[in-house]
Amino acid sequence: MRIGVFGGTFNPIHIAHLSMAEFCREAMELSEVVFVPAQAPPHKEVEYGVSAEARLEMVRLATASNPAFRVDDVELRLPRPSYSIKTVEMLKEQYGKGAELFFIMGMDSFLDIGSWHAADRLITLCDFITTFRPGAKHFDLGKHKYVHEVDMLMLDMLDAKERTVGKVELTSGRYLHLVSSFGMDISSTELRRRIKHRKSVKYLLPDLVESYILDKRLYR
């Protein structure tokens, strides 16, 4: 069983999150993608005072129509601060030895992973996946402390859409998989700003999530 683990504040979850998860699921032949809303990540503040429970409910609403998507509140049950290594360890125990875990994240997050708690151990526990978007900082991988030599031809082929998936080996023996995608440029920060100023977010959020935000008067 191949399990994608997609963590984040999801404040709010939007269609770029969902499309990224689906691209990764299909390209990497994942059995399912588990969305893990963060309680209080140590490297990021949760803006507008939106509770973890509200963000969890938005993720549930957004993913309900996809049978390959699942939501886990593991980080809400862990003591603060919330560290990714604790989440991965608990999910590995939950799924058992027969499951392969793939941690889904944005390229900026992977490039910064060296600053995460217990990063040296985290990169030994699972593989990682990020989407390959034109203009992103992919070539910075070549000087990353956890990355072996990068095949630049492979990056060029992904950039030209001549390949769907590429990978680079990590110093732990695990891999970072690069999945070619459309690269939707949608920002939760911009969505929060638009909602605050009564601007339309239609087609940027799932309808159920938009209705929930309006009903609960979030981000006002």
N, C-alpha and C. Protein backbone atom coordinates (compact mmCIF):
# COMPACT_ATOMS: atom_id res chain seq x y z
N MET A 1 0.84 -1.20 0.00
CA MET A 1 0.00 0.00 0.00
C MET A 1 0.88 1.24 0.00
N ARG A 2 0.58 2.16 -0.90
CA ARG A 2 1.35 3.39 -1.04
C ARG A 2 0.47 4.56 -0.60
N ILE A 3 0.90 5.24 0.46
CA ILE A 3 0.07 6.28 1.08
C ILE A 3 0.74 7.64 0.95
N GLY A 4 0.01 8.60 0.38
CA GLY A 4 0.48 9.98 0.35
C GLY A 4 0.03 10.69 1.62
N VAL A 5 0.93 11.43 2.23
CA VAL A 5 0.62 12.20 3.45
C VAL A 5 0.76 13.68 3.10
N PHE A 6 -0.36 14.39 3.14
CA PHE A 6 -0.37 15.80 2.73
C PHE A 6 -0.74 16.64 3.95
N GLY A 7 0.27 17.25 4.57
CA GLY A 7 0.04 18.08 5.74
C GLY A 7 0.02 19.55 5.39
N GLY A 8 -0.60 20.34 6.24
CA GLY A 8 -0.64 21.78 6.01
C GLY A 8 -1.63 22.45 6.93
N THR A 9 -1.57 23.78 6.99
CA THR A 9 -2.55 24.50 7.78
C THR A 9 -3.90 24.52 7.08
N PHE A 10 -3.90 24.49 5.73
CA PHE A 10 -5.14 24.51 4.96
C PHE A 10 -6.07 25.62 5.46
N ASN A 11 -5.58 26.85 5.32
CA ASN A 11 -6.24 28.01 5.94
C ASN A 11 -6.59 29.10 4.91
N PRO A 12 -7.54 28.83 3.99
CA PRO A 12 -8.35 27.61 3.85
C PRO A 12 -7.79 26.67 2.79
N ILE A 13 -8.31 25.46 2.74
CA ILE A 13 -7.97 24.53 1.66
C ILE A 13 -8.59 25.05 0.37
N HIS A 14 -7.87 24.93 -0.75
CA HIS A 14 -8.38 25.44 -2.02
C HIS A 14 -8.12 24.44 -3.14
N ILE A 15 -8.53 24.79 -4.36
CA ILE A 15 -8.49 23.81 -5.44
C ILE A 15 -7.06 23.45 -5.86
N ALA A 16 -6.08 24.33 -5.61
CA ALA A 16 -4.70 23.97 -5.93
C ALA A 16 -4.20 22.87 -5.00
N HIS A 17 -4.61 22.89 -3.73
CA HIS A 17 -4.26 21.79 -2.81
C HIS A 17 -4.83 20.48 -3.34
N LEU A 18 -6.09 20.52 -3.75
CA LEU A 18 -6.76 19.30 -4.20
C LEU A 18 -6.16 18.77 -5.50
N SER A 19 -5.88 19.67 -6.44
CA SER A 19 -5.30 19.22 -7.71
C SER A 19 -3.90 18.68 -7.51
N MET A 20 -3.12 19.30 -6.61
CA MET A 20 -1.78 18.80 -6.31
C MET A 20 -1.86 17.38 -5.76
N ALA A 21 -2.78 17.16 -4.83
CA ALA A 21 -2.94 15.82 -4.24
C ALA A 21 -3.34 14.80 -5.30
N GLU A 22 -4.24 15.19 -6.19
CA GLU A 22 -4.71 14.26 -7.22
C GLU A 22 -3.63 13.97 -8.26
N PHE A 23 -2.87 14.99 -8.66
CA PHE A 23 -1.75 14.78 -9.58
C PHE A 23 -0.76 13.78 -8.97
N CYS A 24 -0.41 13.99 -7.71
CA CYS A 24 0.56 13.13 -7.04
C CYS A 24 0.01 11.72 -6.88
N ARG A 25 -1.27 11.61 -6.53
CA ARG A 25 -1.89 10.28 -6.37
C ARG A 25 -1.81 9.49 -7.66
N GLU A 26 -2.18 10.12 -8.77
CA GLU A 26 -2.20 9.42 -10.05
C GLU A 26 -0.79 9.10 -10.54
N ALA A 27 0.09 10.10 -10.51
CA ALA A 27 1.44 9.92 -11.05
C ALA A 27 2.25 8.89 -10.26
N MET A 28 2.04 8.85 -8.95
CA MET A 28 2.82 7.96 -8.09
C MET A 28 2.07 6.68 -7.74
N GLU A 29 0.88 6.52 -8.33
CA GLU A 29 0.06 5.32 -8.10
C GLU A 29 -0.16 5.08 -6.61
N LEU A 30 -0.59 6.13 -5.92
CA LEU A 30 -0.85 6.04 -4.49
C LEU A 30 -2.21 5.40 -4.24
N SER A 31 -2.29 4.58 -3.21
CA SER A 31 -3.56 3.96 -2.84
C SER A 31 -4.54 5.01 -2.33
N GLU A 32 -4.03 5.96 -1.57
CA GLU A 32 -4.84 7.06 -1.06
C GLU A 32 -3.94 8.21 -0.64
N VAL A 33 -4.56 9.37 -0.50
CA VAL A 33 -3.86 10.54 0.03
C VAL A 33 -4.55 10.94 1.33
N VAL A 34 -3.76 11.03 2.39
CA VAL A 34 -4.27 11.41 3.70
C VAL A 34 -3.95 12.88 3.95
N PHE A 35 -4.99 13.69 4.11
CA PHE A 35 -4.82 15.11 4.44
C PHE A 35 -4.72 15.23 5.96
N VAL A 36 -3.68 15.96 6.41
CA VAL A 36 -3.42 16.09 7.85
C VAL A 36 -3.36 17.58 8.21
N PRO A 37 -4.49 18.17 8.60
CA PRO A 37 -4.46 19.58 9.02
C PRO A 37 -3.59 19.76 10.26
N ALA A 38 -2.79 20.82 10.26
CA ALA A 38 -1.88 21.08 11.36
C ALA A 38 -2.60 21.79 12.51
N GLN A 39 -2.20 21.47 13.72
CA GLN A 39 -2.72 22.15 14.89
C GLN A 39 -2.11 23.54 15.02
N ALA A 40 -0.82 23.58 15.27
CA ALA A 40 -0.11 24.85 15.40
C ALA A 40 1.33 24.63 14.96
N PRO A 41 1.59 24.63 13.63
CA PRO A 41 2.95 24.36 13.16
C PRO A 41 3.94 25.38 13.69
N PRO A 42 5.11 24.92 14.17
CA PRO A 42 6.08 25.83 14.79
C PRO A 42 6.68 26.85 13.84
N HIS A 43 6.61 26.61 12.51
CA HIS A 43 7.24 27.51 11.54
C HIS A 43 6.25 28.44 10.88
N LYS A 44 4.98 28.44 11.32
CA LYS A 44 3.98 29.27 10.66
C LYS A 44 2.85 29.63 11.63
N GLU A 45 2.42 30.89 11.60
CA GLU A 45 1.28 31.31 12.41
C GLU A 45 -0.01 31.05 11.64
N VAL A 46 -1.06 30.66 12.37
CA VAL A 46 -2.37 30.47 11.76
C VAL A 46 -3.12 31.79 11.86
N GLU A 47 -3.34 32.43 10.72
CA GLU A 47 -3.92 33.77 10.71
C GLU A 47 -5.43 33.77 10.90
N TYR A 48 -5.93 34.92 11.33
CA TYR A 48 -7.36 35.19 11.49
C TYR A 48 -8.00 34.38 12.61
N GLY A 49 -7.22 33.72 13.42
CA GLY A 49 -7.77 33.01 14.57
C GLY A 49 -8.72 31.89 14.21
N VAL A 50 -8.58 31.32 13.01
CA VAL A 50 -9.45 30.22 12.60
C VAL A 50 -8.99 28.95 13.32
N SER A 51 -9.90 28.31 14.02
CA SER A 51 -9.54 27.16 14.86
C SER A 51 -9.12 25.96 14.02
N ALA A 52 -8.36 25.08 14.65
CA ALA A 52 -7.96 23.84 13.99
C ALA A 52 -9.18 23.02 13.62
N GLU A 53 -10.21 23.06 14.48
CA GLU A 53 -11.43 22.30 14.21
C GLU A 53 -12.15 22.81 12.96
N ALA A 54 -12.16 24.13 12.77
CA ALA A 54 -12.79 24.71 11.57
C ALA A 54 -12.00 24.34 10.32
N ARG A 55 -10.68 24.38 10.41
CA ARG A 55 -9.86 24.03 9.25
C ARG A 55 -10.01 22.54 8.93
N LEU A 56 -10.11 21.72 9.96
CA LEU A 56 -10.34 20.28 9.77
C LEU A 56 -11.67 20.04 9.04
N GLU A 57 -12.71 20.75 9.47
CA GLU A 57 -14.02 20.58 8.84
C GLU A 57 -13.99 21.02 7.38
N MET A 58 -13.27 22.10 7.07
CA MET A 58 -13.16 22.54 5.68
C MET A 58 -12.46 21.49 4.82
N VAL A 59 -11.43 20.85 5.38
CA VAL A 59 -10.73 19.80 4.64
C VAL A 59 -11.66 18.61 4.41
N ARG A 60 -12.45 18.26 5.41
CA ARG A 60 -13.41 17.16 5.25
C ARG A 60 -14.42 17.46 4.15
N LEU A 61 -14.92 18.69 4.14
CA LEU A 61 -15.88 19.08 3.11
C LEU A 61 -15.26 19.05 1.72
N ALA A 62 -14.00 19.52 1.63
CA ALA A 62 -13.33 19.62 0.33
C ALA A 62 -12.99 18.26 -0.26
N THR A 63 -12.73 17.27 0.57
CA THR A 63 -12.24 15.98 0.09
C THR A 63 -13.32 14.90 0.04
N ALA A 64 -14.52 15.19 0.51
CA ALA A 64 -15.55 14.17 0.68
C ALA A 64 -15.94 13.47 -0.61
N SER A 65 -15.84 14.15 -1.75
CA SER A 65 -16.29 13.58 -3.01
C SER A 65 -15.26 12.68 -3.67
N ASN A 66 -14.04 12.60 -3.13
CA ASN A 66 -12.99 11.78 -3.73
C ASN A 66 -12.72 10.56 -2.84
N PRO A 67 -13.08 9.36 -3.29
CA PRO A 67 -12.90 8.17 -2.45
C PRO A 67 -11.44 7.83 -2.15
N ALA A 68 -10.52 8.42 -2.90
CA ALA A 68 -9.09 8.17 -2.66
C ALA A 68 -8.49 9.16 -1.67
N PHE A 69 -9.29 10.12 -1.22
CA PHE A 69 -8.82 11.10 -0.24
C PHE A 69 -9.38 10.74 1.14
N ARG A 70 -8.53 10.88 2.16
CA ARG A 70 -8.94 10.64 3.54
C ARG A 70 -8.40 11.77 4.41
N VAL A 71 -9.07 12.05 5.50
CA VAL A 71 -8.65 13.11 6.42
C VAL A 71 -8.32 12.47 7.76
N ASP A 72 -7.19 12.88 8.35
CA ASP A 72 -6.77 12.35 9.66
C ASP A 72 -6.49 13.51 10.59
N ASP A 73 -7.06 13.47 11.78
CA ASP A 73 -6.88 14.54 12.77
C ASP A 73 -5.74 14.26 13.72
N VAL A 74 -4.77 13.46 13.28
CA VAL A 74 -3.66 13.04 14.14
C VAL A 74 -2.94 14.23 14.77
N GLU A 75 -2.73 15.31 14.02
CA GLU A 75 -1.97 16.44 14.58
C GLU A 75 -2.80 17.22 15.61
N LEU A 76 -4.11 17.12 15.52
CA LEU A 76 -4.95 17.79 16.51
C LEU A 76 -4.95 17.03 17.82
N ARG A 77 -4.57 15.76 17.75
CA ARG A 77 -4.53 14.94 18.96
C ARG A 77 -3.16 14.91 19.61
N LEU A 78 -2.15 15.42 18.91
CA LEU A 78 -0.80 15.45 19.45
C LEU A 78 -0.59 16.71 20.31
N PRO A 79 0.28 16.63 21.32
CA PRO A 79 0.58 17.83 22.10
C PRO A 79 1.30 18.87 21.26
N ARG A 80 1.11 20.14 21.61
CA ARG A 80 1.80 21.22 20.89
C ARG A 80 3.23 21.33 21.38
N PRO A 81 4.15 21.85 20.56
CA PRO A 81 3.97 22.20 19.15
C PRO A 81 3.87 20.96 18.28
N SER A 82 3.32 21.13 17.09
CA SER A 82 3.08 20.03 16.17
C SER A 82 4.28 19.85 15.25
N TYR A 83 4.92 18.68 15.32
CA TYR A 83 6.09 18.41 14.49
C TYR A 83 5.78 17.31 13.48
N SER A 84 6.23 17.49 12.25
CA SER A 84 5.94 16.52 11.19
C SER A 84 6.50 15.14 11.50
N ILE A 85 7.63 15.08 12.18
CA ILE A 85 8.21 13.77 12.46
C ILE A 85 7.29 12.95 13.36
N LYS A 86 6.61 13.60 14.31
CA LYS A 86 5.67 12.89 15.17
C LYS A 86 4.50 12.35 14.35
N THR A 87 4.03 13.17 13.41
CA THR A 87 2.92 12.77 12.56
C THR A 87 3.29 11.55 11.72
N VAL A 88 4.45 11.59 11.08
CA VAL A 88 4.89 10.49 10.24
C VAL A 88 5.07 9.23 11.06
N GLU A 89 5.66 9.34 12.24
CA GLU A 89 5.86 8.17 13.10
C GLU A 89 4.53 7.54 13.49
N MET A 90 3.53 8.37 13.82
CA MET A 90 2.22 7.84 14.21
C MET A 90 1.51 7.19 13.02
N LEU A 91 1.64 7.79 11.84
CA LEU A 91 0.99 7.21 10.66
C LEU A 91 1.66 5.91 10.24
N LYS A 92 2.98 5.82 10.38
CA LYS A 92 3.68 4.58 10.07
C LYS A 92 3.21 3.47 11.01
N GLU A 93 3.02 3.81 12.27
CA GLU A 93 2.52 2.82 13.24
C GLU A 93 1.08 2.43 12.90
N GLN A 94 0.29 3.40 12.51
CA GLN A 94 -1.12 3.17 12.20
C GLN A 94 -1.29 2.27 10.98
N TYR A 95 -0.51 2.50 9.92
CA TYR A 95 -0.65 1.74 8.68
C TYR A 95 0.12 0.43 8.69
N GLY A 96 1.14 0.32 9.53
CA GLY A 96 1.88 -0.93 9.63
C GLY A 96 3.04 -1.02 8.65
N LYS A 97 3.81 -2.08 8.79
CA LYS A 97 5.05 -2.24 8.03
C LYS A 97 4.82 -2.42 6.53
N GLY A 98 3.63 -2.84 6.14
CA GLY A 98 3.37 -3.08 4.73
C GLY A 98 3.09 -1.83 3.92
N ALA A 99 3.02 -0.69 4.58
CA ALA A 99 2.68 0.56 3.89
C ALA A 99 3.93 1.39 3.60
N GLU A 100 3.98 2.00 2.41
CA GLU A 100 5.01 2.96 2.06
C GLU A 100 4.41 4.36 2.18
N LEU A 101 5.07 5.24 2.92
CA LEU A 101 4.58 6.60 3.09
C LEU A 101 5.35 7.57 2.20
N PHE A 102 4.59 8.49 1.58
CA PHE A 102 5.16 9.53 0.72
C PHE A 102 4.66 10.87 1.23
N PHE A 103 5.57 11.71 1.70
CA PHE A 103 5.21 13.01 2.29
C PHE A 103 5.10 14.03 1.16
N ILE A 104 3.89 14.55 0.94
CA ILE A 104 3.64 15.52 -0.12
C ILE A 104 3.83 16.94 0.41
N MET A 105 4.61 17.74 -0.30
CA MET A 105 4.85 19.12 0.14
C MET A 105 5.22 19.99 -1.05
N GLY A 106 5.17 21.29 -0.86
CA GLY A 106 5.61 22.23 -1.88
C GLY A 106 7.13 22.28 -1.94
N MET A 107 7.67 22.73 -3.07
CA MET A 107 9.11 22.80 -3.23
C MET A 107 9.76 23.72 -2.21
N ASP A 108 9.13 24.87 -1.93
CA ASP A 108 9.69 25.78 -0.93
C ASP A 108 9.83 25.10 0.42
N SER A 109 8.84 24.29 0.78
CA SER A 109 8.88 23.58 2.06
C SER A 109 10.02 22.57 2.09
N PHE A 110 10.21 21.84 0.98
CA PHE A 110 11.30 20.87 0.97
C PHE A 110 12.65 21.56 1.05
N LEU A 111 12.80 22.67 0.32
CA LEU A 111 14.08 23.38 0.36
C LEU A 111 14.40 23.87 1.77
N ASP A 112 13.37 24.09 2.59
CA ASP A 112 13.55 24.60 3.95
C ASP A 112 13.55 23.48 4.99
N ILE A 113 13.46 22.23 4.57
CA ILE A 113 13.24 21.13 5.50
C ILE A 113 14.40 20.98 6.50
N GLY A 114 15.57 21.46 6.15
CA GLY A 114 16.71 21.38 7.07
C GLY A 114 16.49 22.12 8.37
N SER A 115 15.55 23.08 8.38
CA SER A 115 15.26 23.84 9.60
C SER A 115 14.16 23.18 10.44
N TRP A 116 13.57 22.10 9.95
CA TRP A 116 12.49 21.42 10.67
C TRP A 116 13.03 20.62 11.83
N HIS A 117 12.19 20.39 12.80
CA HIS A 117 12.55 19.58 13.97
C HIS A 117 12.92 18.16 13.55
N ALA A 118 14.10 17.71 14.00
CA ALA A 118 14.58 16.33 13.75
C ALA A 118 14.57 15.99 12.27
N ALA A 119 14.96 16.95 11.43
CA ALA A 119 14.94 16.72 9.98
C ALA A 119 15.84 15.56 9.58
N ASP A 120 16.98 15.39 10.25
CA ASP A 120 17.90 14.31 9.91
C ASP A 120 17.23 12.95 10.02
N ARG A 121 16.34 12.81 11.00
CA ARG A 121 15.61 11.54 11.15
C ARG A 121 14.40 11.49 10.23
N LEU A 122 13.72 12.62 10.05
CA LEU A 122 12.52 12.64 9.21
C LEU A 122 12.81 12.12 7.80
N ILE A 123 13.94 12.51 7.21
CA ILE A 123 14.23 12.10 5.84
C ILE A 123 14.59 10.63 5.72
N THR A 124 14.71 9.92 6.85
CA THR A 124 14.96 8.48 6.80
C THR A 124 13.66 7.67 6.86
N LEU A 125 12.55 8.33 7.20
CA LEU A 125 11.31 7.61 7.48
C LEU A 125 10.42 7.40 6.26
N CYS A 126 10.53 8.25 5.25
CA CYS A 126 9.64 8.15 4.11
C CYS A 126 10.25 8.84 2.89
N ASP A 127 9.66 8.59 1.73
CA ASP A 127 10.00 9.36 0.54
C ASP A 127 9.20 10.66 0.56
N PHE A 128 9.54 11.57 -0.33
CA PHE A 128 8.86 12.87 -0.41
C PHE A 128 8.41 13.09 -1.86
N ILE A 129 7.34 13.86 -2.01
CA ILE A 129 6.82 14.21 -3.33
C ILE A 129 6.55 15.71 -3.37
N THR A 130 6.93 16.33 -4.47
CA THR A 130 6.52 17.72 -4.71
C THR A 130 6.17 17.86 -6.18
N THR A 131 5.30 18.81 -6.49
CA THR A 131 4.95 19.04 -7.89
C THR A 131 6.01 19.94 -8.53
N PHE A 132 6.23 19.68 -9.81
CA PHE A 132 7.23 20.42 -10.58
C PHE A 132 6.51 21.52 -11.34
N ARG A 133 6.77 22.77 -10.96
CA ARG A 133 6.11 23.90 -11.60
C ARG A 133 7.15 24.80 -12.27
N PRO A 134 6.92 25.21 -13.51
CA PRO A 134 7.85 26.14 -14.16
C PRO A 134 8.03 27.40 -13.31
N GLY A 135 9.29 27.82 -13.18
CA GLY A 135 9.58 29.02 -12.41
C GLY A 135 9.88 28.76 -10.95
N ALA A 136 9.63 27.54 -10.47
CA ALA A 136 9.95 27.23 -9.07
C ALA A 136 11.46 27.03 -8.91
N LYS A 137 11.90 26.87 -7.68
CA LYS A 137 13.33 26.85 -7.39
C LYS A 137 13.93 25.44 -7.47
N HIS A 138 13.63 24.73 -8.56
CA HIS A 138 14.09 23.36 -8.66
C HIS A 138 15.61 23.23 -8.72
N PHE A 139 16.25 24.20 -9.35
CA PHE A 139 17.69 24.07 -9.52
C PHE A 139 18.44 24.32 -8.21
N ASP A 140 17.75 24.84 -7.20
CA ASP A 140 18.35 24.95 -5.87
C ASP A 140 18.54 23.58 -5.23
N LEU A 141 17.88 22.56 -5.77
CA LEU A 141 18.04 21.20 -5.24
C LEU A 141 19.50 20.76 -5.32
N GLY A 142 20.21 21.25 -6.35
CA GLY A 142 21.58 20.82 -6.56
C GLY A 142 22.52 21.17 -5.43
N LYS A 143 22.15 22.15 -4.59
CA LYS A 143 23.01 22.53 -3.47
C LYS A 143 22.34 22.25 -2.12
N HIS A 144 21.28 21.42 -2.13
CA HIS A 144 20.57 21.10 -0.90
C HIS A 144 21.37 20.10 -0.08
N LYS A 145 21.41 20.27 1.23
CA LYS A 145 22.23 19.43 2.11
C LYS A 145 21.78 17.97 2.13
N TYR A 146 20.52 17.71 1.81
CA TYR A 146 20.01 16.34 1.88
C TYR A 146 19.89 15.67 0.51
N VAL A 147 20.38 16.33 -0.53
CA VAL A 147 20.20 15.82 -1.89
C VAL A 147 21.53 15.43 -2.51
N HIS A 148 21.55 14.23 -3.13
CA HIS A 148 22.71 13.83 -3.92
C HIS A 148 22.69 14.60 -5.24
N GLU A 149 23.61 14.29 -6.12
CA GLU A 149 23.71 15.00 -7.40
C GLU A 149 22.38 14.95 -8.17
N VAL A 150 21.99 16.09 -8.75
CA VAL A 150 20.73 16.20 -9.47
C VAL A 150 20.97 16.07 -10.98
N ASP A 151 20.12 15.29 -11.63
CA ASP A 151 20.18 15.12 -13.09
C ASP A 151 19.48 16.32 -13.73
N MET A 152 20.25 17.29 -14.22
CA MET A 152 19.68 18.50 -14.79
C MET A 152 18.88 18.21 -16.06
N LEU A 153 19.27 17.19 -16.82
CA LEU A 153 18.52 16.81 -18.01
C LEU A 153 17.12 16.36 -17.62
N MET A 154 17.03 15.62 -16.52
CA MET A 154 15.73 15.19 -16.03
C MET A 154 14.86 16.39 -15.67
N LEU A 155 15.44 17.41 -15.03
CA LEU A 155 14.69 18.62 -14.69
C LEU A 155 14.23 19.34 -15.95
N ASP A 156 15.09 19.39 -16.96
CA ASP A 156 14.71 20.04 -18.22
C ASP A 156 13.56 19.30 -18.88
N MET A 157 13.56 17.97 -18.83
CA MET A 157 12.50 17.18 -19.44
C MET A 157 11.18 17.37 -18.71
N LEU A 158 11.24 17.48 -17.39
CA LEU A 158 10.03 17.77 -16.62
C LEU A 158 9.50 19.16 -16.96
N ASP A 159 10.42 20.10 -17.09
CA ASP A 159 10.03 21.47 -17.39
C ASP A 159 9.35 21.56 -18.75
N ALA A 160 9.79 20.75 -19.69
CA ALA A 160 9.23 20.74 -21.04
C ALA A 160 8.03 19.79 -21.16
N LYS A 161 7.62 19.19 -20.04
CA LYS A 161 6.50 18.25 -20.00
C LYS A 161 6.77 16.98 -20.83
N GLU A 162 8.05 16.66 -21.02
CA GLU A 162 8.41 15.43 -21.74
C GLU A 162 8.41 14.23 -20.81
N ARG A 163 8.36 14.48 -19.50
CA ARG A 163 8.25 13.42 -18.51
C ARG A 163 7.19 13.82 -17.50
N THR A 164 6.59 12.83 -16.87
CA THR A 164 5.57 13.10 -15.85
C THR A 164 6.17 13.07 -14.45
N VAL A 165 7.12 12.16 -14.23
CA VAL A 165 7.71 11.99 -12.90
C VAL A 165 9.22 11.87 -13.01
N GLY A 166 9.92 12.53 -12.11
CA GLY A 166 11.35 12.37 -11.97
C GLY A 166 11.68 12.20 -10.49
N LYS A 167 12.92 11.90 -10.18
CA LYS A 167 13.27 11.78 -8.78
C LYS A 167 14.74 12.09 -8.56
N VAL A 168 15.04 12.52 -7.34
CA VAL A 168 16.43 12.72 -6.92
C VAL A 168 16.64 11.94 -5.63
N GLU A 169 17.81 11.36 -5.50
CA GLU A 169 18.11 10.56 -4.32
C GLU A 169 18.53 11.47 -3.17
N LEU A 170 18.04 11.15 -1.98
CA LEU A 170 18.41 11.89 -0.78
C LEU A 170 19.59 11.21 -0.10
N THR A 171 20.26 11.93 0.77
CA THR A 171 21.43 11.39 1.47
C THR A 171 21.05 10.23 2.38
N SER A 172 19.77 10.12 2.74
CA SER A 172 19.30 9.04 3.59
C SER A 172 19.03 7.76 2.82
N GLY A 173 19.11 7.83 1.47
CA GLY A 173 18.76 6.69 0.65
C GLY A 173 17.31 6.72 0.20
N ARG A 174 16.52 7.62 0.75
CA ARG A 174 15.15 7.85 0.31
C ARG A 174 15.17 8.75 -0.93
N TYR A 175 13.97 9.05 -1.47
CA TYR A 175 13.89 9.84 -2.69
C TYR A 175 12.91 11.01 -2.56
N LEU A 176 13.23 12.07 -3.30
CA LEU A 176 12.28 13.14 -3.55
C LEU A 176 11.77 12.95 -4.96
N HIS A 177 10.45 12.72 -5.10
CA HIS A 177 9.83 12.52 -6.40
C HIS A 177 9.25 13.84 -6.89
N LEU A 178 9.49 14.16 -8.15
CA LEU A 178 9.02 15.40 -8.75
C LEU A 178 7.92 15.07 -9.76
N VAL A 179 6.73 15.60 -9.53
CA VAL A 179 5.58 15.30 -10.38
C VAL A 179 5.21 16.52 -11.20
N SER A 180 5.20 16.37 -12.52
CA SER A 180 4.83 17.47 -13.40
C SER A 180 3.34 17.78 -13.27
N SER A 181 2.99 19.06 -13.18
CA SER A 181 1.59 19.44 -13.01
C SER A 181 1.32 20.75 -13.76
N PHE A 182 0.05 21.18 -13.72
CA PHE A 182 -0.31 22.44 -14.34
C PHE A 182 0.22 23.63 -13.55
N GLY A 183 0.48 23.45 -12.26
CA GLY A 183 1.05 24.51 -11.45
C GLY A 183 0.12 25.68 -11.20
N MET A 184 -1.06 25.40 -10.64
CA MET A 184 -1.99 26.48 -10.31
C MET A 184 -1.38 27.40 -9.26
N ASP A 185 -1.42 28.68 -9.51
CA ASP A 185 -0.81 29.64 -8.59
C ASP A 185 -1.92 30.28 -7.75
N ILE A 186 -2.33 29.57 -6.70
CA ILE A 186 -3.37 30.06 -5.80
C ILE A 186 -2.79 30.11 -4.40
N SER A 187 -3.01 31.22 -3.72
CA SER A 187 -2.44 31.45 -2.40
C SER A 187 -3.54 31.54 -1.35
N SER A 188 -3.40 30.78 -0.27
CA SER A 188 -4.35 30.90 0.84
C SER A 188 -4.33 32.32 1.41
N THR A 189 -3.15 32.93 1.42
CA THR A 189 -3.05 34.32 1.92
C THR A 189 -3.90 35.26 1.08
N GLU A 190 -3.82 35.11 -0.24
CA GLU A 190 -4.62 35.95 -1.12
C GLU A 190 -6.10 35.65 -0.98
N LEU A 191 -6.46 34.39 -0.79
CA LEU A 191 -7.87 34.04 -0.59
C LEU A 191 -8.41 34.66 0.69
N ARG A 192 -7.62 34.64 1.76
CA ARG A 192 -8.06 35.26 3.01
C ARG A 192 -8.27 36.76 2.82
N ARG A 193 -7.35 37.38 2.07
CA ARG A 193 -7.48 38.81 1.82
C ARG A 193 -8.75 39.11 1.02
N ARG A 194 -9.02 38.31 0.00
CA ARG A 194 -10.20 38.53 -0.82
C ARG A 194 -11.48 38.36 0.00
N ILE A 195 -11.51 37.35 0.83
CA ILE A 195 -12.70 37.13 1.66
C ILE A 195 -12.91 38.29 2.63
N LYS A 196 -11.82 38.75 3.23
CA LYS A 196 -11.91 39.88 4.17
C LYS A 196 -12.49 41.11 3.50
N HIS A 197 -12.12 41.33 2.24
CA HIS A 197 -12.57 42.54 1.53
C HIS A 197 -13.79 42.28 0.64
N ARG A 198 -14.50 41.16 0.93
CA ARG A 198 -15.77 40.84 0.26
C ARG A 198 -15.59 40.65 -1.25
N LYS A 199 -14.45 40.13 -1.66
CA LYS A 199 -14.20 39.83 -3.07
C LYS A 199 -14.57 38.37 -3.36
N SER A 200 -14.88 38.07 -4.61
CA SER A 200 -15.29 36.72 -4.99
C SER A 200 -14.12 35.74 -4.91
N VAL A 201 -14.41 34.55 -4.39
CA VAL A 201 -13.44 33.45 -4.41
C VAL A 201 -14.04 32.24 -5.13
N LYS A 202 -15.10 32.48 -5.87
CA LYS A 202 -15.74 31.39 -6.63
C LYS A 202 -14.75 30.79 -7.62
N TYR A 203 -14.81 29.47 -7.73
CA TYR A 203 -13.93 28.66 -8.59
C TYR A 203 -12.51 28.54 -8.05
N LEU A 204 -12.22 29.17 -6.92
CA LEU A 204 -10.91 29.03 -6.27
C LEU A 204 -10.99 28.09 -5.07
N LEU A 205 -12.19 27.99 -4.51
CA LEU A 205 -12.47 27.09 -3.39
C LEU A 205 -13.56 26.10 -3.81
N PRO A 206 -13.57 24.89 -3.23
CA PRO A 206 -14.73 24.02 -3.42
C PRO A 206 -15.99 24.72 -2.91
N ASP A 207 -17.11 24.51 -3.56
CA ASP A 207 -18.35 25.20 -3.19
C ASP A 207 -18.72 24.99 -1.73
N LEU A 208 -18.55 23.77 -1.23
CA LEU A 208 -18.91 23.48 0.16
C LEU A 208 -18.03 24.25 1.14
N VAL A 209 -16.78 24.43 0.77
CA VAL A 209 -15.86 25.19 1.63
C VAL A 209 -16.23 26.67 1.61
N GLU A 210 -16.54 27.20 0.45
CA GLU A 210 -16.95 28.60 0.35
C GLU A 210 -18.21 28.84 1.18
N SER A 211 -19.17 27.94 1.09
CA SER A 211 -20.42 28.08 1.86
C SER A 211 -20.16 28.03 3.36
N TYR A 212 -19.25 27.13 3.77
CA TYR A 212 -18.90 27.01 5.19
C TYR A 212 -18.27 28.31 5.70
N ILE A 213 -17.36 28.87 4.92
CA ILE A 213 -16.69 30.11 5.32
C ILE A 213 -17.69 31.25 5.47
N LEU A 214 -18.60 31.35 4.51
CA LEU A 214 -19.62 32.41 4.58
C LEU A 214 -20.56 32.19 5.75
N ASP A 215 -20.95 30.95 5.97
CA ASP A 215 -21.88 30.65 7.06
C ASP A 215 -21.27 30.92 8.43
N LYS A 216 -19.99 30.60 8.60
CA LYS A 216 -19.31 30.78 9.88
C LYS A 216 -18.64 32.15 9.99
N ARG A 217 -18.74 32.95 8.92
CA ARG A 217 -18.14 34.29 8.89
C ARG A 217 -16.65 34.26 9.23
N LEU A 218 -15.94 33.36 8.57
CA LEU A 218 -14.50 33.24 8.78
C LEU A 218 -13.76 34.27 7.94
N TYR A 219 -12.56 34.62 8.39
CA TYR A 219 -11.66 35.54 7.69
C TYR A 219 -12.23 36.95 7.54
N ARG A 220 -13.13 37.33 8.42
CA ARG A 220 -13.71 38.68 8.38
C ARG A 220 -12.90 39.65 9.23
